[in-house]
Every structure is written in structure tokens, then in C-alpha cells.
Amino acid sequence: MTLDPDETGPISLGEAKEWTATVVGAHRLREDLTVIRLIGEFVPFAPGQSVEIRTPQHPNMVRRLYPALPPSLDGKLEFHVRTVPGGWCSGSLVSDTRNGDEWRISAPAGWLAVDPDATDVVMIADGVGLAPLRSLLLDLARRENPPATHLFVGGRYPRDLYASDMLYLLTGELPWLTVIPVVQDEQDPDMTDRWYEACRVDIGFHPEEMVPGSLADVVGRFAPLDHHHILVAGRAAVVESTVSRLIETGTHPDAIRYEGF
């Protein structure tokens, strides 16, 4: 089911204001990152929006996360959670989430969306900012004529590109999608991440396919993006610098939608 992509406020279904879902998979991909999958009640958010969640570990604390899948009537949800330095709630979600945990979900909100008449789209994802953009990508795949889309996905090191295998496979399935992996440092650090080592696969982008530099610098080389619909998501500082660089290099502010978190 595709919801109105122009809806930017909370969406209600009947009288329901809160929905429940059960964790069916918590997949630790990095020391600081877990992908959490749930099944439960249908949550009527729009692709690209975030939702509020309450978990058994912190029942009185609300955290806002971005679904990485578009809404589906079978109630499937996926969230990408990364530990925030000094954030004990995010750290607990990454390390302590277990199958069978029941989450309470509410308050869909946000304005990340792709205009129905967009023909050229640029998405820029820093870290787990990939989650809402992946939701939008999968929703675009439902369109009869998806727009040409370039996705810049960034991290400090190659191993920070935690979804490179999934994105690599998507580029083979979606001819209108081009993925540009961006890394600030071309070599991974010497420190071992046992979770990365445990889930390492051979599918993904090779080092020579990765563009060195920050997201702001790399995207700035392609500016001005004066005929594109642009979406930026990720850490607030990275989003701010990227949006500033786009505007400095001639992209009109009205063409950019962004979420920093």
C-alpha cells in the first residue's frame, strides 16, 4: 500500500494512535549498529517519515526512529539503530534488543518525500540516514516510471557502509538507480570489529569504486544540481554541512529536503 507522499504530519487510521509490533530479528552488524525487524499491526506512516517508539528496555522513554521499509499491510517494519556517543538509550537498543520484545509505535511525522513529478532525484545518506532513503527507494520501485535516482551513501571508513551488499544488489535490480559510496578514509582502522568480521560478505562495492572525501565535498563536485529533487538524511552536522555546500554551489534551497538526527 502506498500512502500519499505529500503527507507531512501524523497519519491516523480510525481511532488508533498507537500500534504494537514484535521484534522478530535483531541483527548486530557492527559494534555500534543493529538492524531490527518487527512484525505487528499496520502502521500508517508515509515513506521517509519517522515514528516514535517505546521499548521494554525503556518503557517511559520515547525515541524517534526512521523505518527502512515503506509501509506494508502485513505489518513488517525495519529500523537501523546506531549508538550515539554518550547515548545510553541507543546503546541499549543496539546491544539489548531481543526477539519477542514488544514495541509501541506512534506519531508518524516528517517531510522527506519524493515529488510525484520528479524526474531526477539525488539522495544523500550519512550512516543510518540510509534508513528513510531506503524506504523511499523501495516505494519509488512501485511506480510505473521511477525517476532516475543517484544515491550517495557515506561513512568514515569502508566498513561503515554497513548496507553495501544490499545496495549493490539493488543497483542490479533497479536500472534507474545509481549508488555512489563515499568514504573519508579509504582504509579501515586497525581496531577489529568482531560484528563486522562475523557478517562480512563478498558482495558489495570494491575499494576502487568508493569515492574519497566527505559527503559535502563529493556532492559539491556535482553541483549545481539545478534540475534535481534532493533529499539528505543523517547526523545533524553532516546534513548541515552538505546542505550548506549544495546551496553555496548553486543548488536552490527549495529543491532540498533534509532530516538531521
C-alpha atoms as a PDB file:
ATOM      1  CA  MET A   1       0.000   0.000   0.000  1.00  0.00           C
ATOM      2  CA  THR A   2       1.409   3.383  -0.990  1.00  0.00           C
ATOM      3  CA  LEU A   3       0.453   6.368   1.107  1.00  0.00           C
ATOM      4  CA  ASP A   4       0.335   9.971  -0.068  1.00  0.00           C
ATOM      5  CA  PRO A   5       3.984  11.090  -0.239  1.00  0.00           C
ATOM      6  CA  ASP A   6       2.942  14.695   0.298  1.00  0.00           C
ATOM      7  CA  GLU A   7       1.544  13.922   3.751  1.00  0.00           C
ATOM      8  CA  THR A   8       3.927  15.510   6.244  1.00  0.00           C
ATOM      9  CA  GLY A   9       2.022  15.247   9.507  1.00  0.00           C
ATOM     10  CA  PRO A  10       0.942  12.316  11.649  1.00  0.00           C
ATOM     11  CA  ILE A  11      -1.401   9.897   9.851  1.00  0.00           C
ATOM     12  CA  SER A  12      -4.235   8.243  11.723  1.00  0.00           C
ATOM     13  CA  LEU A  13      -6.112   5.047  10.993  1.00  0.00           C
ATOM     14  CA  GLY A  14      -9.552   5.136  12.566  1.00  0.00           C
ATOM     15  CA  GLU A  15      -9.145   5.836  16.283  1.00  0.00           C
ATOM     16  CA  ALA A  16      -5.738   4.186  16.580  1.00  0.00           C
ATOM     17  CA  LYS A  17      -2.971   6.439  17.915  1.00  0.00           C
ATOM     18  CA  GLU A  18      -0.524   3.722  18.909  1.00  0.00           C
ATOM     19  CA  TRP A  19       0.346   0.399  17.339  1.00  0.00           C
ATOM     20  CA  THR A  20       2.281  -2.613  18.572  1.00  0.00           C
ATOM     21  CA  ALA A  21       4.890  -4.746  16.823  1.00  0.00           C
ATOM     22  CA  THR A  22       7.064  -7.641  17.953  1.00  0.00           C
ATOM     23  CA  VAL A  23      10.784  -7.951  17.303  1.00  0.00           C
ATOM     24  CA  VAL A  24      11.486 -10.959  15.060  1.00  0.00           C
ATOM     25  CA  GLY A  25      15.137 -10.216  14.364  1.00  0.00           C
ATOM     26  CA  ALA A  26      17.900  -8.080  15.869  1.00  0.00           C
ATOM     27  CA  HIS A  27      20.932  -8.378  13.612  1.00  0.00           C
ATOM     28  CA  ARG A  28      24.106  -6.822  15.017  1.00  0.00           C
ATOM     29  CA  LEU A  29      26.143  -5.702  12.014  1.00  0.00           C
ATOM     30  CA  ARG A  30      28.724  -3.519  13.745  1.00  0.00           C
ATOM     31  CA  GLU A  31      29.880  -2.818  17.276  1.00  0.00           C
ATOM     32  CA  ASP A  32      27.689   0.278  17.192  1.00  0.00           C
ATOM     33  CA  LEU A  33      24.870  -0.750  14.834  1.00  0.00           C
ATOM     34  CA  THR A  34      21.945  -3.177  14.784  1.00  0.00           C
ATOM     35  CA  VAL A  35      19.219  -3.757  12.195  1.00  0.00           C
ATOM     36  CA  ILE A  36      15.935  -4.539  13.954  1.00  0.00           C
ATOM     37  CA  ARG A  37      12.993  -6.199  12.183  1.00  0.00           C
ATOM     38  CA  LEU A  38       9.469  -6.396  13.567  1.00  0.00           C
ATOM     39  CA  ILE A  39       6.029  -7.679  12.589  1.00  0.00           C
ATOM     40  CA  GLY A  40       2.811  -6.339  14.031  1.00  0.00           C
ATOM     41  CA  GLU A  41      -0.079  -4.010  13.390  1.00  0.00           C
ATOM     42  CA  PHE A  42      -0.124  -1.931  10.226  1.00  0.00           C
ATOM     43  CA  VAL A  43       1.452   1.461  10.990  1.00  0.00           C
ATOM     44  CA  PRO A  44       0.147   4.131   8.572  1.00  0.00           C
ATOM     45  CA  PHE A  45       3.250   6.256   8.049  1.00  0.00           C
ATOM     46  CA  ALA A  46       4.451   7.666   4.742  1.00  0.00           C
ATOM     47  CA  PRO A  47       7.773   6.513   3.237  1.00  0.00           C
ATOM     48  CA  GLY A  48      10.552   8.744   4.551  1.00  0.00           C
ATOM     49  CA  GLN A  49       8.761   9.623   7.779  1.00  0.00           C
ATOM     50  CA  SER A  50       9.913   8.769  11.296  1.00  0.00           C
ATOM     51  CA  VAL A  51       7.887   7.285  14.144  1.00  0.00           C
ATOM     52  CA  GLU A  52       8.061   7.368  17.924  1.00  0.00           C
ATOM     53  CA  ILE A  53       8.899   4.069  19.614  1.00  0.00           C
ATOM     54  CA  ARG A  54       8.751   2.770  23.176  1.00  0.00           C
ATOM     55  CA  THR A  55      10.619  -0.417  24.064  1.00  0.00           C
ATOM     56  CA  PRO A  56      10.596  -2.825  27.042  1.00  0.00           C
ATOM     57  CA  GLN A  57      14.097  -1.695  27.988  1.00  0.00           C
ATOM     58  CA  HIS A  58      12.927   1.927  28.377  1.00  0.00           C
ATOM     59  CA  PRO A  59       9.109   1.880  28.601  1.00  0.00           C
ATOM     60  CA  ASN A  60       8.877   5.505  29.732  1.00  0.00           C
ATOM     61  CA  MET A  61      11.276   6.893  27.160  1.00  0.00           C
ATOM     62  CA  VAL A  62      10.269   7.890  23.640  1.00  0.00           C
ATOM     63  CA  ARG A  63      12.792   7.646  20.814  1.00  0.00           C
ATOM     64  CA  ARG A  64      12.187   8.666  17.217  1.00  0.00           C
ATOM     65  CA  LEU A  65      13.402   6.264  14.515  1.00  0.00           C
ATOM     66  CA  TYR A  66      13.052   6.035  10.733  1.00  0.00           C
ATOM     67  CA  PRO A  67      11.569   2.892   9.178  1.00  0.00           C
ATOM     68  CA  ALA A  68      13.814   1.460   6.465  1.00  0.00           C
ATOM     69  CA  LEU A  69      10.885  -0.168   4.649  1.00  0.00           C
ATOM     70  CA  PRO A  70       7.817   1.535   3.172  1.00  0.00           C
ATOM     71  CA  PRO A  71       4.548   0.783   4.977  1.00  0.00           C
ATOM     72  CA  SER A  72       3.053  -2.627   4.248  1.00  0.00           C
ATOM     73  CA  LEU A  73      -0.294  -4.138   5.146  1.00  0.00           C
ATOM     74  CA  ASP A  74       1.427  -7.228   6.580  1.00  0.00           C
ATOM     75  CA  GLY A  75       2.933  -5.093   9.332  1.00  0.00           C
ATOM     76  CA  LYS A  76       6.623  -5.552   8.519  1.00  0.00           C
ATOM     77  CA  LEU A  77       8.946  -2.913   9.936  1.00  0.00           C
ATOM     78  CA  GLU A  78      12.710  -2.440   9.909  1.00  0.00           C
ATOM     79  CA  PHE A  79      14.869   0.053  11.794  1.00  0.00           C
ATOM     80  CA  HIS A  80      18.602   0.777  11.616  1.00  0.00           C
ATOM     81  CA  VAL A  81      19.864   1.838  15.051  1.00  0.00           C
ATOM     82  CA  ARG A  82      23.346   3.214  15.697  1.00  0.00           C
ATOM     83  CA  THR A  83      24.824   4.002  19.090  1.00  0.00           C
ATOM     84  CA  VAL A  84      25.050   7.721  19.769  1.00  0.00           C
ATOM     85  CA  PRO A  85      28.214   8.613  21.758  1.00  0.00           C
ATOM     86  CA  GLY A  86      27.094   9.011  25.349  1.00  0.00           C
ATOM     87  CA  GLY A  87      23.579   7.858  24.449  1.00  0.00           C
ATOM     88  CA  TRP A  88      22.644   5.070  26.843  1.00  0.00           C
ATOM     89  CA  CYS A  89      19.233   4.564  25.225  1.00  0.00           C
ATOM     90  CA  SER A  90      20.614   3.996  21.725  1.00  0.00           C
ATOM     91  CA  GLY A  91      23.353   1.791  23.160  1.00  0.00           C
ATOM     92  CA  SER A  92      20.762  -0.354  24.884  1.00  0.00           C
ATOM     93  CA  LEU A  93      18.718  -0.693  21.686  1.00  0.00           C
ATOM     94  CA  VAL A  94      21.805  -1.836  19.791  1.00  0.00           C
ATOM     95  CA  SER A  95      23.008  -4.350  22.374  1.00  0.00           C
ATOM     96  CA  ASP A  96      19.927  -5.468  24.306  1.00  0.00           C
ATOM     97  CA  THR A  97      17.082  -5.792  21.767  1.00  0.00           C
ATOM     98  CA  ARG A  98      15.831  -9.384  21.668  1.00  0.00           C
ATOM     99  CA  ASN A  99      13.345 -11.429  19.660  1.00  0.00           C
ATOM    100  CA  GLY A 100       9.931 -11.231  21.276  1.00  0.00           C
ATOM    101  CA  ASP A 101      10.323  -7.662  22.551  1.00  0.00           C
ATOM    102  CA  GLU A 102       7.111  -5.730  22.022  1.00  0.00           C
ATOM    103  CA  TRP A 103       7.448  -2.175  20.752  1.00  0.00           C
ATOM    104  CA  ARG A 104       4.803   0.512  20.882  1.00  0.00           C
ATOM    105  CA  ILE A 105       4.825   2.778  17.849  1.00  0.00           C
ATOM    106  CA  SER A 106       3.122   6.139  17.342  1.00  0.00           C
ATOM    107  CA  ALA A 107       3.229   9.647  15.869  1.00  0.00           C
ATOM    108  CA  PRO A 108       4.417   9.305  12.244  1.00  0.00           C
ATOM    109  CA  ALA A 109       5.897  12.634  11.155  1.00  0.00           C
ATOM    110  CA  GLY A 110       8.410  14.175   8.785  1.00  0.00           C
ATOM    111  CA  TRP A 111       8.728  15.762   5.378  1.00  0.00           C
ATOM    112  CA  LEU A 112      11.186  13.588   3.465  1.00  0.00           C
ATOM    113  CA  ALA A 113       9.335  12.670   0.279  1.00  0.00           C
ATOM    114  CA  VAL A 114       9.854  12.468  -3.475  1.00  0.00           C
ATOM    115  CA  ASP A 115       7.588  14.711  -5.533  1.00  0.00           C
ATOM    116  CA  PRO A 116       5.297  12.724  -7.839  1.00  0.00           C
ATOM    117  CA  ASP A 117       6.536  14.654 -10.889  1.00  0.00           C
ATOM    118  CA  ALA A 118      10.266  14.428 -10.059  1.00  0.00           C
ATOM    119  CA  THR A 119      12.354  13.063 -12.940  1.00  0.00           C
ATOM    120  CA  ASP A 120      15.854  13.366 -11.424  1.00  0.00           C
ATOM    121  CA  VAL A 121      16.416  12.586  -7.757  1.00  0.00           C
ATOM    122  CA  VAL A 122      19.561  12.818  -5.644  1.00  0.00           C
ATOM    123  CA  MET A 123      19.589  11.104  -2.235  1.00  0.00           C
ATOM    124  CA  ILE A 124      22.428  11.694   0.228  1.00  0.00           C
ATOM    125  CA  ALA A 125      22.702   9.334   3.202  1.00  0.00           C
ATOM    126  CA  ASP A 126      25.120   9.650   6.094  1.00  0.00           C
ATOM    127  CA  GLY A 127      25.262   6.451   8.173  1.00  0.00           C
ATOM    128  CA  VAL A 128      21.827   5.282   9.292  1.00  0.00           C
ATOM    129  CA  GLY A 129      20.356   8.211   7.375  1.00  0.00           C
ATOM    130  CA  LEU A 130      20.121   5.483   4.760  1.00  0.00           C
ATOM    131  CA  ALA A 131      17.018   4.085   6.524  1.00  0.00           C
ATOM    132  CA  PRO A 132      14.411   6.671   5.406  1.00  0.00           C
ATOM    133  CA  LEU A 133      16.000   6.931   1.963  1.00  0.00           C
ATOM    134  CA  ARG A 134      15.857   3.165   1.514  1.00  0.00           C
ATOM    135  CA  SER A 135      12.165   3.310   2.423  1.00  0.00           C
ATOM    136  CA  LEU A 136      11.695   5.927  -0.284  1.00  0.00           C
ATOM    137  CA  LEU A 137      13.733   3.946  -2.823  1.00  0.00           C
ATOM    138  CA  LEU A 138      11.617   0.842  -2.342  1.00  0.00           C
ATOM    139  CA  ASP A 139       8.492   2.951  -2.624  1.00  0.00           C
ATOM    140  CA  LEU A 140       9.780   4.508  -5.869  1.00  0.00           C
ATOM    141  CA  ALA A 141      10.255   0.996  -7.238  1.00  0.00           C
ATOM    142  CA  ARG A 142       6.472   0.620  -7.100  1.00  0.00           C
ATOM    143  CA  ARG A 143       5.983   3.455  -9.577  1.00  0.00           C
ATOM    144  CA  GLU A 144       5.384   2.685 -13.219  1.00  0.00           C
ATOM    145  CA  ASN A 145       8.170   5.074 -14.250  1.00  0.00           C
ATOM    146  CA  PRO A 146      10.562   5.692 -11.346  1.00  0.00           C
ATOM    147  CA  PRO A 147      12.761   8.782 -11.640  1.00  0.00           C
ATOM    148  CA  ALA A 148      16.483   8.495 -12.364  1.00  0.00           C
ATOM    149  CA  THR A 149      17.978   8.379  -8.876  1.00  0.00           C
ATOM    150  CA  HIS A 150      21.539   8.827  -7.608  1.00  0.00           C
ATOM    151  CA  LEU A 151      22.203   7.731  -4.035  1.00  0.00           C
ATOM    152  CA  PHE A 152      25.344   8.989  -2.300  1.00  0.00           C
ATOM    153  CA  VAL A 153      25.967   6.897   0.819  1.00  0.00           C
ATOM    154  CA  GLY A 154      28.749   7.940   3.163  1.00  0.00           C
ATOM    155  CA  GLY A 155      30.834   6.768   6.090  1.00  0.00           C
ATOM    156  CA  ARG A 156      34.202   7.472   7.634  1.00  0.00           C
ATOM    157  CA  TYR A 157      35.641   4.048   6.692  1.00  0.00           C
ATOM    158  CA  PRO A 158      34.671   1.448   4.080  1.00  0.00           C
ATOM    159  CA  ARG A 159      33.294  -0.848   6.783  1.00  0.00           C
ATOM    160  CA  ASP A 160      30.933   1.933   7.888  1.00  0.00           C
ATOM    161  CA  LEU A 161      28.985   1.307   4.684  1.00  0.00           C
ATOM    162  CA  TYR A 162      27.017  -1.356   6.520  1.00  0.00           C
ATOM    163  CA  ALA A 163      24.459  -1.955   3.743  1.00  0.00           C
ATOM    164  CA  SER A 164      26.828  -2.068   0.781  1.00  0.00           C
ATOM    165  CA  ASP A 165      25.807  -5.632  -0.103  1.00  0.00           C
ATOM    166  CA  MET A 166      22.107  -4.720  -0.140  1.00  0.00           C
ATOM    167  CA  LEU A 167      22.741  -1.561  -2.171  1.00  0.00           C
ATOM    168  CA  TYR A 168      24.955  -3.433  -4.612  1.00  0.00           C
ATOM    169  CA  LEU A 169      22.177  -5.944  -5.239  1.00  0.00           C
ATOM    170  CA  LEU A 170      19.594  -3.158  -5.579  1.00  0.00           C
ATOM    171  CA  THR A 171      21.608  -1.490  -8.351  1.00  0.00           C
ATOM    172  CA  GLY A 172      21.373  -4.746 -10.302  1.00  0.00           C
ATOM    173  CA  GLU A 173      17.604  -4.919  -9.849  1.00  0.00           C
ATOM    174  CA  LEU A 174      16.740  -1.240 -10.376  1.00  0.00           C
ATOM    175  CA  PRO A 175      18.158   0.141 -13.642  1.00  0.00           C
ATOM    176  CA  TRP A 176      17.157   3.694 -12.706  1.00  0.00           C
ATOM    177  CA  LEU A 177      19.302   3.634  -9.503  1.00  0.00           C
ATOM    178  CA  THR A 178      22.988   4.588  -9.280  1.00  0.00           C
ATOM    179  CA  VAL A 179      24.800   4.260  -5.937  1.00  0.00           C
ATOM    180  CA  ILE A 180      27.952   6.268  -5.168  1.00  0.00           C
ATOM    181  CA  PRO A 181      29.740   5.060  -1.989  1.00  0.00           C
ATOM    182  CA  VAL A 182      31.753   7.813  -0.264  1.00  0.00           C
ATOM    183  CA  VAL A 183      34.414   7.332   2.451  1.00  0.00           C
ATOM    184  CA  GLN A 184      36.549   9.874   4.283  1.00  0.00           C
ATOM    185  CA  ASP A 185      39.352   7.350   4.884  1.00  0.00           C
ATOM    186  CA  GLU A 186      39.993   4.700   2.262  1.00  0.00           C
ATOM    187  CA  GLN A 187      41.425   2.169   4.733  1.00  0.00           C
ATOM    188  CA  ASP A 188      39.596   0.594   7.659  1.00  0.00           C
ATOM    189  CA  PRO A 189      41.156   1.185  11.114  1.00  0.00           C
ATOM    190  CA  ASP A 190      43.381  -1.465  12.694  1.00  0.00           C
ATOM    191  CA  MET A 191      40.897  -1.972  15.537  1.00  0.00           C
ATOM    192  CA  THR A 192      38.878  -5.153  14.972  1.00  0.00           C
ATOM    193  CA  ASP A 193      35.081  -5.024  14.944  1.00  0.00           C
ATOM    194  CA  ARG A 194      34.038  -8.604  15.671  1.00  0.00           C
ATOM    195  CA  TRP A 195      30.481  -7.999  14.463  1.00  0.00           C
ATOM    196  CA  TYR A 196      31.743  -6.753  11.118  1.00  0.00           C
ATOM    197  CA  GLU A 197      34.082  -9.728  10.813  1.00  0.00           C
ATOM    198  CA  ALA A 198      31.241 -12.145  11.633  1.00  0.00           C
ATOM    199  CA  CYS A 199      28.922 -10.816   8.922  1.00  0.00           C
ATOM    200  CA  ARG A 200      31.480  -9.929   6.252  1.00  0.00           C
ATOM    201  CA  VAL A 201      30.359 -10.984   2.747  1.00  0.00           C
ATOM    202  CA  ASP A 202      31.983 -10.887  -0.676  1.00  0.00           C
ATOM    203  CA  ILE A 203      29.105  -8.955  -2.263  1.00  0.00           C
ATOM    204  CA  GLY A 204      29.461  -5.194  -2.289  1.00  0.00           C
ATOM    205  CA  PHE A 205      31.418  -2.275  -3.662  1.00  0.00           C
ATOM    206  CA  HIS A 206      35.151  -2.677  -4.206  1.00  0.00           C
ATOM    207  CA  PRO A 207      37.544  -0.100  -2.707  1.00  0.00           C
ATOM    208  CA  GLU A 208      38.270   1.355  -6.145  1.00  0.00           C
ATOM    209  CA  GLU A 209      34.549   2.112  -6.556  1.00  0.00           C
ATOM    210  CA  MET A 210      34.485   4.241  -3.399  1.00  0.00           C
ATOM    211  CA  VAL A 211      34.921   7.990  -3.772  1.00  0.00           C
ATOM    212  CA  PRO A 212      37.256   9.524  -1.156  1.00  0.00           C
ATOM    213  CA  GLY A 213      36.140  12.629   0.698  1.00  0.00           C
ATOM    214  CA  SER A 214      33.295  13.932   2.820  1.00  0.00           C
ATOM    215  CA  LEU A 215      29.735  13.806   1.560  1.00  0.00           C
ATOM    216  CA  ALA A 216      29.665  17.602   1.383  1.00  0.00           C
ATOM    217  CA  ASP A 217      32.842  17.749  -0.712  1.00  0.00           C
ATOM    218  CA  VAL A 218      31.904  14.909  -3.060  1.00  0.00           C
ATOM    219  CA  VAL A 219      28.350  16.102  -3.670  1.00  0.00           C
ATOM    220  CA  GLY A 220      29.647  19.633  -4.164  1.00  0.00           C
ATOM    221  CA  ARG A 221      31.659  18.432  -7.173  1.00  0.00           C
ATOM    222  CA  PHE A 222      28.389  17.640  -8.961  1.00  0.00           C
ATOM    223  CA  ALA A 223      26.735  20.968  -8.169  1.00  0.00           C
ATOM    224  CA  PRO A 224      24.816  22.954  -9.091  1.00  0.00           C
ATOM    225  CA  LEU A 225      22.021  20.410  -9.030  1.00  0.00           C
ATOM    226  CA  ASP A 226      19.514  22.767 -10.577  1.00  0.00           C
ATOM    227  CA  HIS A 227      17.134  20.212 -12.110  1.00  0.00           C
ATOM    228  CA  HIS A 228      17.057  17.696  -9.277  1.00  0.00           C
ATOM    229  CA  HIS A 229      14.899  16.832  -6.308  1.00  0.00           C
ATOM    230  CA  ILE A 230      17.344  16.387  -3.393  1.00  0.00           C
ATOM    231  CA  LEU A 231      16.963  14.515  -0.094  1.00  0.00           C
ATOM    232  CA  VAL A 232      19.590  14.489   2.665  1.00  0.00           C
ATOM    233  CA  ALA A 233      19.468  12.401   5.875  1.00  0.00           C
ATOM    234  CA  GLY A 234      21.926  11.526   8.624  1.00  0.00           C
ATOM    235  CA  ARG A 235      23.807  13.061  11.508  1.00  0.00           C
ATOM    236  CA  ALA A 236      22.853  16.699  12.020  1.00  0.00           C
ATOM    237  CA  ALA A 237      26.379  18.079  11.498  1.00  0.00           C
ATOM    238  CA  VAL A 238      26.899  16.140   8.251  1.00  0.00           C
ATOM    239  CA  VAL A 239      23.478  17.112   6.938  1.00  0.00           C
ATOM    240  CA  GLU A 240      24.081  20.776   7.763  1.00  0.00           C
ATOM    241  CA  SER A 241      27.468  20.859   6.018  1.00  0.00           C
ATOM    242  CA  THR A 242      26.127  19.007   2.971  1.00  0.00           C
ATOM    243  CA  VAL A 243      23.097  21.247   2.578  1.00  0.00           C
ATOM    244  CA  SER A 244      25.300  24.336   3.009  1.00  0.00           C
ATOM    245  CA  ARG A 245      27.696  23.113   0.320  1.00  0.00           C
ATOM    246  CA  LEU A 246      24.839  22.425  -2.088  1.00  0.00           C
ATOM    247  CA  ILE A 247      23.448  25.917  -1.621  1.00  0.00           C
ATOM    248  CA  GLU A 248      26.914  27.515  -1.854  1.00  0.00           C
ATOM    249  CA  THR A 249      27.478  25.798  -5.197  1.00  0.00           C
ATOM    250  CA  GLY A 250      24.225  26.959  -6.743  1.00  0.00           C
ATOM    251  CA  THR A 251      21.519  24.463  -5.772  1.00  0.00           C
ATOM    252  CA  HIS A 252      18.268  26.226  -4.916  1.00  0.00           C
ATOM    253  CA  PRO A 253      17.234  25.690  -1.255  1.00  0.00           C
ATOM    254  CA  ASP A 254      13.672  24.876  -2.307  1.00  0.00           C
ATOM    255  CA  ALA A 255      14.968  21.780  -4.129  1.00  0.00           C
ATOM    256  CA  ILE A 256      16.364  20.275  -0.894  1.00  0.00           C
ATOM    257  CA  ARG A 257      14.551  18.333   1.826  1.00  0.00           C
ATOM    258  CA  TYR A 258      16.623  17.156   4.752  1.00  0.00           C
ATOM    259  CA  GLU A 259      16.494  15.492   8.170  1.00  0.00           C
ATOM    260  CA  GLY A 260      19.347  15.586  10.706  1.00  0.00           C
ATOM    261  CA  PHE A 261      19.312  13.394  13.794  1.00  0.00           C
END
